[in-house]
């Protein structure tokens, strides 16, 4: 633990508590890490426009990884450090292939410019995020506004069933994962939280063996597999706990703070 120089942590369900907030204990732990030279970086499925105001509210600095590794920005300035979106033609091809093969599939497009959801998507996601409705997902794919993530949901298939169907159809062309129990997320080939951890380690001049990762959902698994130390919070999805070497207290019990303090001993 005392060899860890970089901790990569998911936000929702991991660093943030069940209210979506950072507890005083977690804030204190991150401040202590900063003073001690231990880097703590948030690696989230959220887009920049959601994650950046949150990290700034709590005074977090350094790189911020968003959209499951597709985008990295400087948390203080907001300037882009990395952007790995879909090729527009490939993105349109994937959408057409999926909707042609899975009747009733409803899709969304997450681009640098905004979130675009087909009619019916918001009805299947309680407390859906602000978005622009579109008649068809392909209409929101533009060369000048790179797509960083696709979303897919179905009114009859469970997320697990939908994920298997999507993997069978296009799993050789892109990355398929889940960060919630509601829908499936698709990223460009080679874009996931694991490659983001490798990029961060190089960017911060930290050996990968001296990194730790902590998360709670399947989209965190590539990051756990890439890290020198893989940790899961107690409330994590069973697949994530199985991938972890260390199970921490839950997000409501400051699990990430516990990892920080153990790393600083």
C-alpha atoms as a PDB file:
ATOM      1  CA  UNK A   1       0.000   0.000   0.000  1.00  0.00           C
ATOM      2  CA  UNK A   2       2.820   2.441   0.769  1.00  0.00           C
ATOM      3  CA  UNK A   3       4.023   2.102  -2.837  1.00  0.00           C
ATOM      4  CA  UNK A   4       0.819   3.576  -4.304  1.00  0.00           C
ATOM      5  CA  UNK A   5       1.431   6.940  -5.979  1.00  0.00           C
ATOM      6  CA  UNK A   6      -1.792   7.301  -7.986  1.00  0.00           C
ATOM      7  CA  UNK A   7      -5.367   6.378  -7.036  1.00  0.00           C
ATOM      8  CA  UNK A   8      -7.951   6.353  -9.826  1.00  0.00           C
ATOM      9  CA  UNK A   9     -11.475   6.460  -8.439  1.00  0.00           C
ATOM     10  CA  UNK A  10     -14.902   6.281  -9.976  1.00  0.00           C
ATOM     11  CA  UNK A  11     -17.372   8.964  -8.881  1.00  0.00           C
ATOM     12  CA  UNK A  12     -20.982   7.745  -8.597  1.00  0.00           C
ATOM     13  CA  UNK A  13     -21.404   4.881  -6.158  1.00  0.00           C
ATOM     14  CA  UNK A  14     -17.728   5.005  -5.241  1.00  0.00           C
ATOM     15  CA  UNK A  15     -16.250   8.356  -4.205  1.00  0.00           C
ATOM     16  CA  UNK A  16     -19.672  10.034  -3.980  1.00  0.00           C
ATOM     17  CA  UNK A  17     -22.127   8.897  -1.323  1.00  0.00           C
ATOM     18  CA  UNK A  18     -25.724   7.837  -1.990  1.00  0.00           C
ATOM     19  CA  UNK A  19     -26.788  11.492  -2.066  1.00  0.00           C
ATOM     20  CA  UNK A  20     -24.302  12.162  -4.851  1.00  0.00           C
ATOM     21  CA  UNK A  21     -22.072  14.216  -2.578  1.00  0.00           C
ATOM     22  CA  UNK A  22     -18.523  14.093  -1.275  1.00  0.00           C
ATOM     23  CA  UNK A  23     -18.485  13.540   2.482  1.00  0.00           C
ATOM     24  CA  UNK A  24     -16.343  15.658   4.835  1.00  0.00           C
ATOM     25  CA  UNK A  25     -14.239  12.570   5.534  1.00  0.00           C
ATOM     26  CA  UNK A  26     -13.559  12.031   1.846  1.00  0.00           C
ATOM     27  CA  UNK A  27     -12.723  15.703   1.308  1.00  0.00           C
ATOM     28  CA  UNK A  28     -10.265  15.604   4.203  1.00  0.00           C
ATOM     29  CA  UNK A  29      -8.652  12.425   2.874  1.00  0.00           C
ATOM     30  CA  UNK A  30      -8.193  13.887  -0.618  1.00  0.00           C
ATOM     31  CA  UNK A  31      -6.683  17.067   0.828  1.00  0.00           C
ATOM     32  CA  UNK A  32      -4.294  14.957   2.912  1.00  0.00           C
ATOM     33  CA  UNK A  33      -3.338  12.948  -0.171  1.00  0.00           C
ATOM     34  CA  UNK A  34      -2.642  16.148  -2.105  1.00  0.00           C
ATOM     35  CA  UNK A  35      -0.372  17.486   0.638  1.00  0.00           C
ATOM     36  CA  UNK A  36       1.445  14.153   0.772  1.00  0.00           C
ATOM     37  CA  UNK A  37       2.053  13.920  -2.972  1.00  0.00           C
ATOM     38  CA  UNK A  38      -0.436  11.085  -3.558  1.00  0.00           C
ATOM     39  CA  UNK A  39      -2.412  11.797  -6.746  1.00  0.00           C
ATOM     40  CA  UNK A  40      -6.154  11.090  -6.605  1.00  0.00           C
ATOM     41  CA  UNK A  41      -7.858  11.275 -10.015  1.00  0.00           C
ATOM     42  CA  UNK A  42     -11.565  10.899 -10.765  1.00  0.00           C
ATOM     43  CA  UNK A  43     -12.321   8.525 -13.657  1.00  0.00           C
ATOM     44  CA  UNK A  44     -16.023   8.626 -14.453  1.00  0.00           C
ATOM     45  CA  UNK A  45     -18.598   7.717 -17.044  1.00  0.00           C
ATOM     46  CA  UNK A  46     -20.076  11.193 -16.676  1.00  0.00           C
ATOM     47  CA  UNK A  47     -19.533  13.735 -19.450  1.00  0.00           C
ATOM     48  CA  UNK A  48     -17.305  16.748 -18.823  1.00  0.00           C
ATOM     49  CA  UNK A  49     -20.232  19.139 -18.428  1.00  0.00           C
ATOM     50  CA  UNK A  50     -21.543  17.090 -15.471  1.00  0.00           C
ATOM     51  CA  UNK A  51     -18.266  16.068 -13.853  1.00  0.00           C
ATOM     52  CA  UNK A  52     -16.288  19.307 -14.093  1.00  0.00           C
ATOM     53  CA  UNK A  53     -18.641  21.491 -12.012  1.00  0.00           C
ATOM     54  CA  UNK A  54     -18.795  18.735  -9.396  1.00  0.00           C
ATOM     55  CA  UNK A  55     -15.033  18.369  -9.047  1.00  0.00           C
ATOM     56  CA  UNK A  56     -14.582  22.126  -8.966  1.00  0.00           C
ATOM     57  CA  UNK A  57     -17.185  22.437  -6.218  1.00  0.00           C
ATOM     58  CA  UNK A  58     -15.015  20.246  -4.028  1.00  0.00           C
ATOM     59  CA  UNK A  59     -11.738  21.850  -5.044  1.00  0.00           C
ATOM     60  CA  UNK A  60     -10.342  18.822  -6.882  1.00  0.00           C
ATOM     61  CA  UNK A  61      -7.451  19.586  -9.211  1.00  0.00           C
ATOM     62  CA  UNK A  62      -5.345  17.715 -11.762  1.00  0.00           C
ATOM     63  CA  UNK A  63      -6.641  15.564 -14.624  1.00  0.00           C
ATOM     64  CA  UNK A  64     -10.309  14.570 -14.790  1.00  0.00           C
ATOM     65  CA  UNK A  65     -11.261  11.552 -16.907  1.00  0.00           C
ATOM     66  CA  UNK A  66     -14.800  11.575 -18.324  1.00  0.00           C
ATOM     67  CA  UNK A  67     -17.047   9.500 -20.604  1.00  0.00           C
ATOM     68  CA  UNK A  68     -15.409   6.198 -19.586  1.00  0.00           C
ATOM     69  CA  UNK A  69     -11.979   7.360 -20.720  1.00  0.00           C
ATOM     70  CA  UNK A  70     -12.864   9.101 -23.981  1.00  0.00           C
ATOM     71  CA  UNK A  71     -12.124  12.601 -22.676  1.00  0.00           C
ATOM     72  CA  UNK A  72      -9.548  13.957 -20.219  1.00  0.00           C
ATOM     73  CA  UNK A  73      -9.536  17.588 -19.118  1.00  0.00           C
ATOM     74  CA  UNK A  74      -7.611  19.679 -16.631  1.00  0.00           C
ATOM     75  CA  UNK A  75      -9.991  20.031 -13.680  1.00  0.00           C
ATOM     76  CA  UNK A  76      -8.756  23.537 -12.885  1.00  0.00           C
ATOM     77  CA  UNK A  77      -8.733  25.118 -16.344  1.00  0.00           C
ATOM     78  CA  UNK A  78     -11.159  22.843 -18.203  1.00  0.00           C
ATOM     79  CA  UNK A  79      -8.704  22.554 -21.091  1.00  0.00           C
ATOM     80  CA  UNK A  80      -8.731  19.289 -23.025  1.00  0.00           C
ATOM     81  CA  UNK A  81      -5.832  16.904 -22.524  1.00  0.00           C
ATOM     82  CA  UNK A  82      -7.209  13.957 -24.509  1.00  0.00           C
ATOM     83  CA  UNK A  83     -10.218  13.295 -26.733  1.00  0.00           C
ATOM     84  CA  UNK A  84     -10.877   9.859 -28.233  1.00  0.00           C
ATOM     85  CA  UNK A  85     -14.320   9.910 -29.834  1.00  0.00           C
ATOM     86  CA  UNK A  86     -15.979   7.770 -32.492  1.00  0.00           C
ATOM     87  CA  UNK A  87     -15.249   8.059 -36.159  1.00  0.00           C
ATOM     88  CA  UNK A  88     -18.557   9.547 -37.449  1.00  0.00           C
ATOM     89  CA  UNK A  89     -18.992   6.983 -40.225  1.00  0.00           C
ATOM     90  CA  UNK A  90     -18.277   4.079 -37.851  1.00  0.00           C
ATOM     91  CA  UNK A  91     -20.650   5.556 -35.280  1.00  0.00           C
ATOM     92  CA  UNK A  92     -23.502   5.804 -37.811  1.00  0.00           C
ATOM     93  CA  UNK A  93     -22.790   2.278 -38.999  1.00  0.00           C
ATOM     94  CA  UNK A  94     -22.957   0.905 -35.448  1.00  0.00           C
ATOM     95  CA  UNK A  95     -26.250   2.653 -34.712  1.00  0.00           C
ATOM     96  CA  UNK A  96     -27.803   1.344 -37.936  1.00  0.00           C
ATOM     97  CA  UNK A  97     -26.576  -2.195 -37.286  1.00  0.00           C
ATOM     98  CA  UNK A  98     -27.896  -2.282 -33.734  1.00  0.00           C
ATOM     99  CA  UNK A  99     -31.295  -0.785 -34.445  1.00  0.00           C
ATOM    100  CA  UNK A 100     -31.700  -2.970 -37.507  1.00  0.00           C
ATOM    101  CA  UNK A 101     -31.030  -6.113 -35.495  1.00  0.00           C
ATOM    102  CA  UNK A 102     -32.738  -5.289 -32.190  1.00  0.00           C
ATOM    103  CA  UNK A 103     -36.340  -4.095 -32.679  1.00  0.00           C
ATOM    104  CA  UNK A 104     -37.397  -1.630 -29.998  1.00  0.00           C
ATOM    105  CA  UNK A 105     -33.853  -0.485 -29.232  1.00  0.00           C
ATOM    106  CA  UNK A 106     -33.765   3.157 -28.108  1.00  0.00           C
ATOM    107  CA  UNK A 107     -30.466   4.998 -28.350  1.00  0.00           C
ATOM    108  CA  UNK A 108     -28.719   8.139 -27.209  1.00  0.00           C
ATOM    109  CA  UNK A 109     -25.686  10.053 -28.394  1.00  0.00           C
ATOM    110  CA  UNK A 110     -23.215  11.688 -26.003  1.00  0.00           C
ATOM    111  CA  UNK A 111     -21.033  14.187 -27.842  1.00  0.00           C
ATOM    112  CA  UNK A 112     -18.745  16.977 -26.760  1.00  0.00           C
ATOM    113  CA  UNK A 113     -21.610  19.349 -27.502  1.00  0.00           C
ATOM    114  CA  UNK A 114     -24.412  17.686 -25.596  1.00  0.00           C
ATOM    115  CA  UNK A 115     -26.636  14.693 -24.897  1.00  0.00           C
ATOM    116  CA  UNK A 116     -29.181  13.664 -27.536  1.00  0.00           C
ATOM    117  CA  UNK A 117     -31.788  11.030 -26.714  1.00  0.00           C
ATOM    118  CA  UNK A 118     -34.350   9.354 -28.917  1.00  0.00           C
ATOM    119  CA  UNK A 119     -37.986   9.553 -27.915  1.00  0.00           C
ATOM    120  CA  UNK A 120     -38.752   7.047 -25.178  1.00  0.00           C
ATOM    121  CA  UNK A 121     -35.256   6.887 -23.678  1.00  0.00           C
ATOM    122  CA  UNK A 122     -36.067   9.335 -20.890  1.00  0.00           C
ATOM    123  CA  UNK A 123     -39.257   7.406 -20.081  1.00  0.00           C
ATOM    124  CA  UNK A 124     -37.142   4.361 -19.207  1.00  0.00           C
ATOM    125  CA  UNK A 125     -34.641   6.226 -16.999  1.00  0.00           C
ATOM    126  CA  UNK A 126     -36.029   7.817 -13.806  1.00  0.00           C
ATOM    127  CA  UNK A 127     -34.725  11.341 -13.197  1.00  0.00           C
ATOM    128  CA  UNK A 128     -33.182  11.460 -16.657  1.00  0.00           C
ATOM    129  CA  UNK A 129     -30.524  14.078 -17.304  1.00  0.00           C
ATOM    130  CA  UNK A 130     -31.095  17.279 -19.278  1.00  0.00           C
ATOM    131  CA  UNK A 131     -30.904  16.449 -22.969  1.00  0.00           C
ATOM    132  CA  UNK A 132     -32.047  17.381 -26.448  1.00  0.00           C
ATOM    133  CA  UNK A 133     -34.703  15.035 -27.881  1.00  0.00           C
ATOM    134  CA  UNK A 134     -34.025  13.696 -31.390  1.00  0.00           C
ATOM    135  CA  UNK A 135     -36.144  11.640 -33.729  1.00  0.00           C
ATOM    136  CA  UNK A 136     -33.210   9.361 -34.558  1.00  0.00           C
ATOM    137  CA  UNK A 137     -29.793   8.914 -32.973  1.00  0.00           C
ATOM    138  CA  UNK A 138     -28.067   9.106 -36.339  1.00  0.00           C
ATOM    139  CA  UNK A 139     -29.334  12.679 -36.705  1.00  0.00           C
ATOM    140  CA  UNK A 140     -27.119  13.717 -33.785  1.00  0.00           C
ATOM    141  CA  UNK A 141     -23.896  12.364 -35.307  1.00  0.00           C
ATOM    142  CA  UNK A 142     -21.874  15.177 -36.887  1.00  0.00           C
ATOM    143  CA  UNK A 143     -18.196  15.309 -37.962  1.00  0.00           C
ATOM    144  CA  UNK A 144     -17.759  18.651 -36.201  1.00  0.00           C
ATOM    145  CA  UNK A 145     -19.025  17.396 -32.822  1.00  0.00           C
ATOM    146  CA  UNK A 146     -17.240  14.145 -31.908  1.00  0.00           C
ATOM    147  CA  UNK A 147     -19.375  11.433 -30.319  1.00  0.00           C
ATOM    148  CA  UNK A 148     -17.670  10.132 -27.179  1.00  0.00           C
ATOM    149  CA  UNK A 149     -20.280   7.586 -26.074  1.00  0.00           C
ATOM    150  CA  UNK A 150     -23.441   5.867 -27.290  1.00  0.00           C
ATOM    151  CA  UNK A 151     -26.249   4.788 -24.969  1.00  0.00           C
ATOM    152  CA  UNK A 152     -28.705   1.957 -25.573  1.00  0.00           C
ATOM    153  CA  UNK A 153     -31.817   0.920 -23.666  1.00  0.00           C
ATOM    154  CA  UNK A 154     -34.719  -1.452 -24.264  1.00  0.00           C
ATOM    155  CA  UNK A 155     -38.152  -1.567 -22.717  1.00  0.00           C
ATOM    156  CA  UNK A 156     -38.292  -5.377 -22.547  1.00  0.00           C
ATOM    157  CA  UNK A 157     -34.704  -6.626 -22.371  1.00  0.00           C
ATOM    158  CA  UNK A 158     -32.790  -6.388 -19.109  1.00  0.00           C
ATOM    159  CA  UNK A 159     -29.487  -4.457 -19.266  1.00  0.00           C
ATOM    160  CA  UNK A 160     -27.637  -7.781 -18.976  1.00  0.00           C
ATOM    161  CA  UNK A 161     -29.607  -9.284 -21.887  1.00  0.00           C
ATOM    162  CA  UNK A 162     -29.138  -6.148 -23.947  1.00  0.00           C
ATOM    163  CA  UNK A 163     -25.405  -6.069 -23.254  1.00  0.00           C
ATOM    164  CA  UNK A 164     -25.029  -9.665 -24.459  1.00  0.00           C
ATOM    165  CA  UNK A 165     -27.003  -8.892 -27.617  1.00  0.00           C
ATOM    166  CA  UNK A 166     -24.935  -5.785 -28.364  1.00  0.00           C
ATOM    167  CA  UNK A 167     -21.653  -7.627 -27.764  1.00  0.00           C
ATOM    168  CA  UNK A 168     -22.743 -10.417 -30.121  1.00  0.00           C
ATOM    169  CA  UNK A 169     -23.530  -7.874 -32.836  1.00  0.00           C
ATOM    170  CA  UNK A 170     -20.740  -5.278 -32.590  1.00  0.00           C
ATOM    171  CA  UNK A 171     -18.444  -6.379 -29.765  1.00  0.00           C
ATOM    172  CA  UNK A 172     -15.553  -6.698 -32.209  1.00  0.00           C
ATOM    173  CA  UNK A 173     -15.969  -3.065 -33.277  1.00  0.00           C
ATOM    174  CA  UNK A 174     -16.338  -1.165 -30.014  1.00  0.00           C
ATOM    175  CA  UNK A 175     -16.331  -1.362 -26.215  1.00  0.00           C
ATOM    176  CA  UNK A 176     -19.579  -2.333 -24.455  1.00  0.00           C
ATOM    177  CA  UNK A 177     -20.192  -1.837 -20.740  1.00  0.00           C
ATOM    178  CA  UNK A 178     -22.603  -0.675 -18.037  1.00  0.00           C
ATOM    179  CA  UNK A 179     -22.250   2.005 -15.380  1.00  0.00           C
ATOM    180  CA  UNK A 180     -25.850   1.767 -14.152  1.00  0.00           C
ATOM    181  CA  UNK A 181     -28.544  -0.886 -13.844  1.00  0.00           C
ATOM    182  CA  UNK A 182     -30.635   0.813 -16.535  1.00  0.00           C
ATOM    183  CA  UNK A 183     -28.806   0.920 -19.862  1.00  0.00           C
ATOM    184  CA  UNK A 184     -25.752  -0.119 -21.894  1.00  0.00           C
ATOM    185  CA  UNK A 185     -22.880   2.182 -22.887  1.00  0.00           C
ATOM    186  CA  UNK A 186     -20.771   1.932 -26.028  1.00  0.00           C
ATOM    187  CA  UNK A 187     -17.368   3.543 -26.605  1.00  0.00           C
ATOM    188  CA  UNK A 188     -14.956   3.550 -29.516  1.00  0.00           C
ATOM    189  CA  UNK A 189     -12.674   0.543 -29.796  1.00  0.00           C
ATOM    190  CA  UNK A 190      -9.865   0.714 -27.245  1.00  0.00           C
ATOM    191  CA  UNK A 191     -11.565   3.395 -25.147  1.00  0.00           C
ATOM    192  CA  UNK A 192     -12.217   2.358 -21.560  1.00  0.00           C
ATOM    193  CA  UNK A 193     -11.163   3.229 -18.031  1.00  0.00           C
ATOM    194  CA  UNK A 194      -8.247   0.818 -18.232  1.00  0.00           C
ATOM    195  CA  UNK A 195      -6.564   2.642 -21.082  1.00  0.00           C
ATOM    196  CA  UNK A 196      -7.318   5.880 -19.241  1.00  0.00           C
ATOM    197  CA  UNK A 197      -5.375   4.614 -16.217  1.00  0.00           C
ATOM    198  CA  UNK A 198      -2.395   3.781 -18.433  1.00  0.00           C
ATOM    199  CA  UNK A 199      -2.574   7.253 -20.004  1.00  0.00           C
ATOM    200  CA  UNK A 200      -2.738   8.900 -16.568  1.00  0.00           C
ATOM    201  CA  UNK A 201       0.201   6.890 -15.271  1.00  0.00           C
ATOM    202  CA  UNK A 202       2.333   8.009 -18.211  1.00  0.00           C
ATOM    203  CA  UNK A 203       1.073  11.596 -18.014  1.00  0.00           C
ATOM    204  CA  UNK A 204       1.892  11.807 -14.302  1.00  0.00           C
ATOM    205  CA  UNK A 205       5.121   9.785 -14.585  1.00  0.00           C
ATOM    206  CA  UNK A 206       3.871   7.074 -12.222  1.00  0.00           C
ATOM    207  CA  UNK A 207       4.746   3.398 -12.795  1.00  0.00           C
ATOM    208  CA  UNK A 208       1.575   1.396 -13.459  1.00  0.00           C
ATOM    209  CA  UNK A 209       2.629  -0.987 -10.695  1.00  0.00           C
ATOM    210  CA  UNK A 210       2.256   1.916  -8.255  1.00  0.00           C
ATOM    211  CA  UNK A 211      -1.332   2.713  -9.219  1.00  0.00           C
ATOM    212  CA  UNK A 212      -4.559   1.747  -7.479  1.00  0.00           C
ATOM    213  CA  UNK A 213      -8.091   1.785  -8.862  1.00  0.00           C
ATOM    214  CA  UNK A 214     -11.432   1.649  -7.078  1.00  0.00           C
ATOM    215  CA  UNK A 215     -14.937   1.362  -8.494  1.00  0.00           C
ATOM    216  CA  UNK A 216     -18.402  -0.142  -8.182  1.00  0.00           C
ATOM    217  CA  UNK A 217     -19.802  -1.010 -11.633  1.00  0.00           C
ATOM    218  CA  UNK A 218     -18.744  -3.127 -14.643  1.00  0.00           C
ATOM    219  CA  UNK A 219     -17.376  -0.097 -16.524  1.00  0.00           C
ATOM    220  CA  UNK A 220     -14.746   0.117 -13.755  1.00  0.00           C
ATOM    221  CA  UNK A 221     -13.423  -3.421 -14.324  1.00  0.00           C
ATOM    222  CA  UNK A 222     -10.907  -2.512 -17.085  1.00  0.00           C
ATOM    223  CA  UNK A 223      -9.449   0.084 -14.712  1.00  0.00           C
ATOM    224  CA  UNK A 224      -9.169  -2.450 -11.895  1.00  0.00           C
ATOM    225  CA  UNK A 225      -7.488  -4.946 -14.212  1.00  0.00           C
ATOM    226  CA  UNK A 226      -4.984  -2.326 -15.379  1.00  0.00           C
ATOM    227  CA  UNK A 227      -4.020  -1.068 -11.912  1.00  0.00           C
ATOM    228  CA  UNK A 228      -1.293  -2.320  -9.636  1.00  0.00           C
ATOM    229  CA  UNK A 229      -3.906  -2.635  -6.891  1.00  0.00           C
ATOM    230  CA  UNK A 230      -7.583  -3.298  -7.636  1.00  0.00           C
ATOM    231  CA  UNK A 231     -10.172  -2.267  -5.048  1.00  0.00           C
ATOM    232  CA  UNK A 232     -13.972  -2.268  -4.883  1.00  0.00           C
ATOM    233  CA  UNK A 233     -16.311  -0.545  -2.466  1.00  0.00           C
ATOM    234  CA  UNK A 234     -18.545  -2.890  -0.455  1.00  0.00           C
ATOM    235  CA  UNK A 235     -21.644  -1.781  -2.382  1.00  0.00           C
ATOM    236  CA  UNK A 236     -20.068  -2.707  -5.728  1.00  0.00           C
ATOM    237  CA  UNK A 237     -21.589  -4.956  -8.360  1.00  0.00           C
ATOM    238  CA  UNK A 238     -20.612  -8.634  -7.778  1.00  0.00           C
ATOM    239  CA  UNK A 239     -18.500  -8.667 -10.952  1.00  0.00           C
ATOM    240  CA  UNK A 240     -16.496  -5.720  -9.643  1.00  0.00           C
ATOM    241  CA  UNK A 241     -15.937  -7.304  -6.243  1.00  0.00           C
ATOM    242  CA  UNK A 242     -14.755 -10.467  -8.002  1.00  0.00           C
ATOM    243  CA  UNK A 243     -12.224  -8.411  -9.988  1.00  0.00           C
ATOM    244  CA  UNK A 244     -10.867  -6.678  -6.872  1.00  0.00           C
ATOM    245  CA  UNK A 245      -7.966  -7.673  -4.667  1.00  0.00           C
ATOM    246  CA  UNK A 246      -9.312  -5.504  -1.859  1.00  0.00           C
ATOM    247  CA  UNK A 247     -12.895  -4.763  -0.773  1.00  0.00           C
ATOM    248  CA  UNK A 248     -13.253  -1.431   1.009  1.00  0.00           C
ATOM    249  CA  UNK A 249     -16.091   0.007   3.096  1.00  0.00           C
ATOM    250  CA  UNK A 250     -19.065   1.241   1.059  1.00  0.00           C
ATOM    251  CA  UNK A 251     -19.343   4.638  -0.610  1.00  0.00           C
ATOM    252  CA  UNK A 252     -21.499   5.780   2.330  1.00  0.00           C
ATOM    253  CA  UNK A 253     -18.743   4.686   4.710  1.00  0.00           C
ATOM    254  CA  UNK A 254     -15.921   6.617   2.990  1.00  0.00           C
ATOM    255  CA  UNK A 255     -14.389   3.603   1.283  1.00  0.00           C
ATOM    256  CA  UNK A 256     -12.119   5.668  -0.970  1.00  0.00           C
ATOM    257  CA  UNK A 257     -10.950   7.679   2.037  1.00  0.00           C
ATOM    258  CA  UNK A 258     -10.001   4.386   3.708  1.00  0.00           C
ATOM    259  CA  UNK A 259      -7.922   3.458   0.652  1.00  0.00           C
ATOM    260  CA  UNK A 260      -6.182   6.844   0.743  1.00  0.00           C
ATOM    261  CA  UNK A 261      -5.333   6.559   4.420  1.00  0.00           C
ATOM    262  CA  UNK A 262      -4.019   3.010   3.956  1.00  0.00           C
ATOM    263  CA  UNK A 263      -1.842   4.211   1.084  1.00  0.00           C
ATOM    264  CA  UNK A 264      -0.352   6.967   3.238  1.00  0.00           C
ATOM    265  CA  UNK A 265       0.652   4.786   6.174  1.00  0.00           C
END
